[in-house]
Structures are given as C-alpha cells and as structure tokens.
Amino acid sequence: MSTGRPASPDPHDAPASPADRASAVAVRYDQQDAAPRVIAKGYGNIADTIIRTAKEHGLYVHESPELVNLLMQVNLDAQIPPQLYVAIAELLAWIYALEEKTIGPEPAAPASAPAAPMNPAQAGS
C-alpha cells in the first residue's frame, strides 16, 4: 500500500486526492448476516489507524488496492454487494489458508460423526 504523501509538500499544490493517499477498509463477517459488512474505512491517518488497530488485535491485513478501491464505495455498516462476493470469498480463503498454516488442521471427526451438516429434510430418513 502506498501512502502517496509527498516528501516536502508545496503549499501551492492542491490537497492530495483520496486516490493519492493510503486507504484501508475493514470487513467483518458474522454467520447470521447474508454477506460481510464494511465496518471501517478511511484515507490517510484513518487508514493508518485501521491497519495498526487490526495488527494490534492479531487480525490479518491484506494489501489489495483494487479491492480497497471497490470497497471504499460501500457505505459503512452496509453489506458488500453481490458483485464483490467472489473477491471477498478469495480473501476469506486466503485467511483460512493462513490460519491453517498457523494453527494447524483441525482434528479429524470421529467415524460416527457426519462429515457435513445434515439437511433437516434428511434427518428423519
């Protein structure tokens, strides 16, 4: 992620546009929601604070300027639109892969336990 901040600002220059500054978006997924939500977003110092806070809390930070630019268009506390589902799914897969390497695989389920959740319609059969 590039901050885009000039080394020595010229007072005659126009203020930096959002595209020229660091940006960050925080996304949260709760299983009761239909889709992940944008819970924080910002440019410059706010972006730096979002990133620092995420790292302080042990959350993963993924740099993807293209995805951040798209997510910056989503309102705060709004669910991401269906057009971004694939991109967010890829991000979640990346996070799960990192967790798998860090934490290790979950123990295998006992042979008597079903491998996948059972469809309620099949429970009686």
Protein backbone atom coordinates (compact mmCIF):
# COMPACT_ATOMS: atom_id res chain seq x y z
CA MET A 1 0.00 0.00 0.00
CA SER A 2 1.43 3.37 -0.93
CA THR A 3 0.80 6.45 1.14
CA GLY A 4 1.19 8.79 -1.79
CA ARG A 5 2.36 11.56 0.57
CA PRO A 6 4.88 13.98 -0.90
CA ALA A 7 8.25 14.23 0.87
CA SER A 8 8.11 18.03 1.04
CA PRO A 9 4.62 19.41 0.43
CA ASP A 10 4.38 22.56 -1.64
CA PRO A 11 1.86 24.97 -0.11
CA HIS A 12 0.73 25.89 -3.65
CA ASP A 13 -0.17 22.30 -4.51
CA ALA A 14 -3.77 21.20 -4.29
CA PRO A 15 -4.63 18.83 -1.43
CA ALA A 16 -3.95 15.20 -2.22
CA SER A 17 -6.89 13.36 -3.68
CA PRO A 18 -8.10 10.21 -1.91
CA ALA A 19 -6.52 8.15 -4.68
CA ASP A 20 -3.10 9.60 -3.75
CA ARG A 21 -3.33 8.66 -0.06
CA ALA A 22 -3.16 5.39 1.80
CA SER A 23 -6.57 3.79 2.18
CA ALA A 24 -7.94 0.92 4.23
CA VAL A 25 -11.22 -0.92 4.64
CA ALA A 26 -12.17 -3.31 7.42
CA VAL A 27 -14.67 -6.03 6.61
CA ARG A 28 -16.44 -8.25 9.12
CA TYR A 29 -18.43 -11.39 8.52
CA ASP A 30 -20.96 -12.74 11.01
CA GLN A 31 -22.65 -16.02 10.15
CA GLN A 32 -26.11 -14.56 10.83
CA ASP A 33 -25.52 -11.96 8.07
CA ALA A 34 -26.14 -12.72 4.43
CA ALA A 35 -22.82 -11.10 3.45
CA PRO A 36 -19.77 -9.44 5.03
CA ARG A 37 -20.13 -5.80 6.13
CA VAL A 38 -17.81 -2.82 5.79
CA ILE A 39 -17.17 -1.80 9.41
CA ALA A 40 -14.44 0.81 8.95
CA LYS A 41 -12.88 2.69 6.06
CA GLY A 42 -10.75 5.74 5.57
CA TYR A 43 -7.82 7.52 3.99
CA GLY A 44 -4.51 8.82 5.35
CA ASN A 45 -4.28 8.82 9.15
CA ILE A 46 -7.59 6.99 9.48
CA ALA A 47 -6.30 4.24 7.17
CA ASP A 48 -3.11 4.01 9.22
CA THR A 49 -5.18 3.68 12.40
CA ILE A 50 -7.37 0.94 10.87
CA ILE A 51 -4.29 -1.05 9.84
CA ARG A 52 -2.48 -0.52 13.15
CA THR A 53 -5.57 -1.49 15.17
CA ALA A 54 -6.09 -4.63 13.09
CA LYS A 55 -2.48 -5.72 13.60
CA GLU A 56 -2.63 -4.93 17.34
CA HIS A 57 -5.63 -7.26 17.62
CA GLY A 58 -4.00 -10.06 15.65
CA LEU A 59 -6.20 -9.61 12.58
CA TYR A 60 -4.90 -10.27 9.11
CA VAL A 61 -4.11 -7.33 6.85
CA HIS A 62 -4.21 -7.98 3.12
CA GLU A 63 -2.98 -5.40 0.64
CA SER A 64 -5.15 -5.20 -2.44
CA PRO A 65 -5.51 -1.65 -3.79
CA GLU A 66 -8.10 -2.74 -6.36
CA LEU A 67 -10.33 -4.41 -3.77
CA VAL A 68 -9.93 -1.49 -1.35
CA ASN A 69 -10.98 0.94 -4.09
CA LEU A 70 -14.13 -1.10 -4.71
CA LEU A 71 -14.92 -1.49 -1.00
CA MET A 72 -14.46 2.25 -0.38
CA GLN A 73 -17.63 2.72 -2.44
CA VAL A 74 -19.69 0.62 0.01
CA ASN A 75 -21.39 2.55 2.82
CA LEU A 76 -20.29 1.94 6.40
CA ASP A 77 -22.16 -0.94 8.06
CA ALA A 78 -23.55 -1.96 4.67
CA GLN A 79 -23.23 -5.49 3.36
CA ILE A 80 -20.94 -5.90 0.40
CA PRO A 81 -22.80 -6.12 -2.91
CA PRO A 82 -23.09 -9.44 -4.76
CA GLN A 83 -20.62 -8.19 -7.39
CA LEU A 84 -17.85 -8.41 -4.75
CA TYR A 85 -18.75 -11.86 -3.36
CA VAL A 86 -16.09 -13.68 -5.39
CA ALA A 87 -13.34 -11.23 -4.41
CA ILE A 88 -14.28 -11.45 -0.72
CA ALA A 89 -14.55 -15.25 -0.93
CA GLU A 90 -11.00 -15.35 -2.31
CA LEU A 91 -9.84 -13.11 0.55
CA LEU A 92 -11.55 -15.35 3.12
CA ALA A 93 -9.94 -18.41 1.53
CA TRP A 94 -6.54 -16.71 1.85
CA ILE A 95 -7.22 -16.00 5.54
CA TYR A 96 -8.38 -19.56 6.20
CA ALA A 97 -5.23 -20.90 4.49
CA LEU A 98 -3.06 -18.68 6.70
CA GLU A 99 -4.91 -19.85 9.81
CA GLU A 100 -4.49 -23.46 8.72
CA LYS A 101 -0.71 -22.96 8.47
CA THR A 102 -0.53 -21.07 11.77
CA ILE A 103 -2.91 -23.15 13.86
CA GLY A 104 -2.70 -26.44 12.01
CA PRO A 105 -5.50 -28.64 10.75
CA GLU A 106 -8.47 -29.42 12.94
CA PRO A 107 -8.55 -32.97 14.23
CA ALA A 108 -10.47 -35.40 12.05
CA ALA A 109 -14.06 -36.04 13.04
CA PRO A 110 -14.80 -39.43 14.62
CA ALA A 111 -16.03 -42.06 12.17
CA SER A 112 -19.52 -41.96 13.65
CA ALA A 113 -19.92 -38.20 13.16
CA PRO A 114 -21.35 -36.94 9.86
CA ALA A 115 -18.74 -35.32 7.62
CA ALA A 116 -21.02 -32.41 6.68
CA PRO A 117 -24.09 -30.82 8.27
CA MET A 118 -27.14 -32.86 7.55
CA ASN A 119 -30.05 -31.42 5.61
CA PRO A 120 -33.03 -31.22 8.05
CA ALA A 121 -35.20 -32.98 5.44
CA GLN A 122 -32.85 -35.99 5.62
CA ALA A 123 -32.87 -36.18 9.43
CA GLY A 124 -35.92 -38.40 9.58
CA SER A 125 -34.71 -40.91 6.96
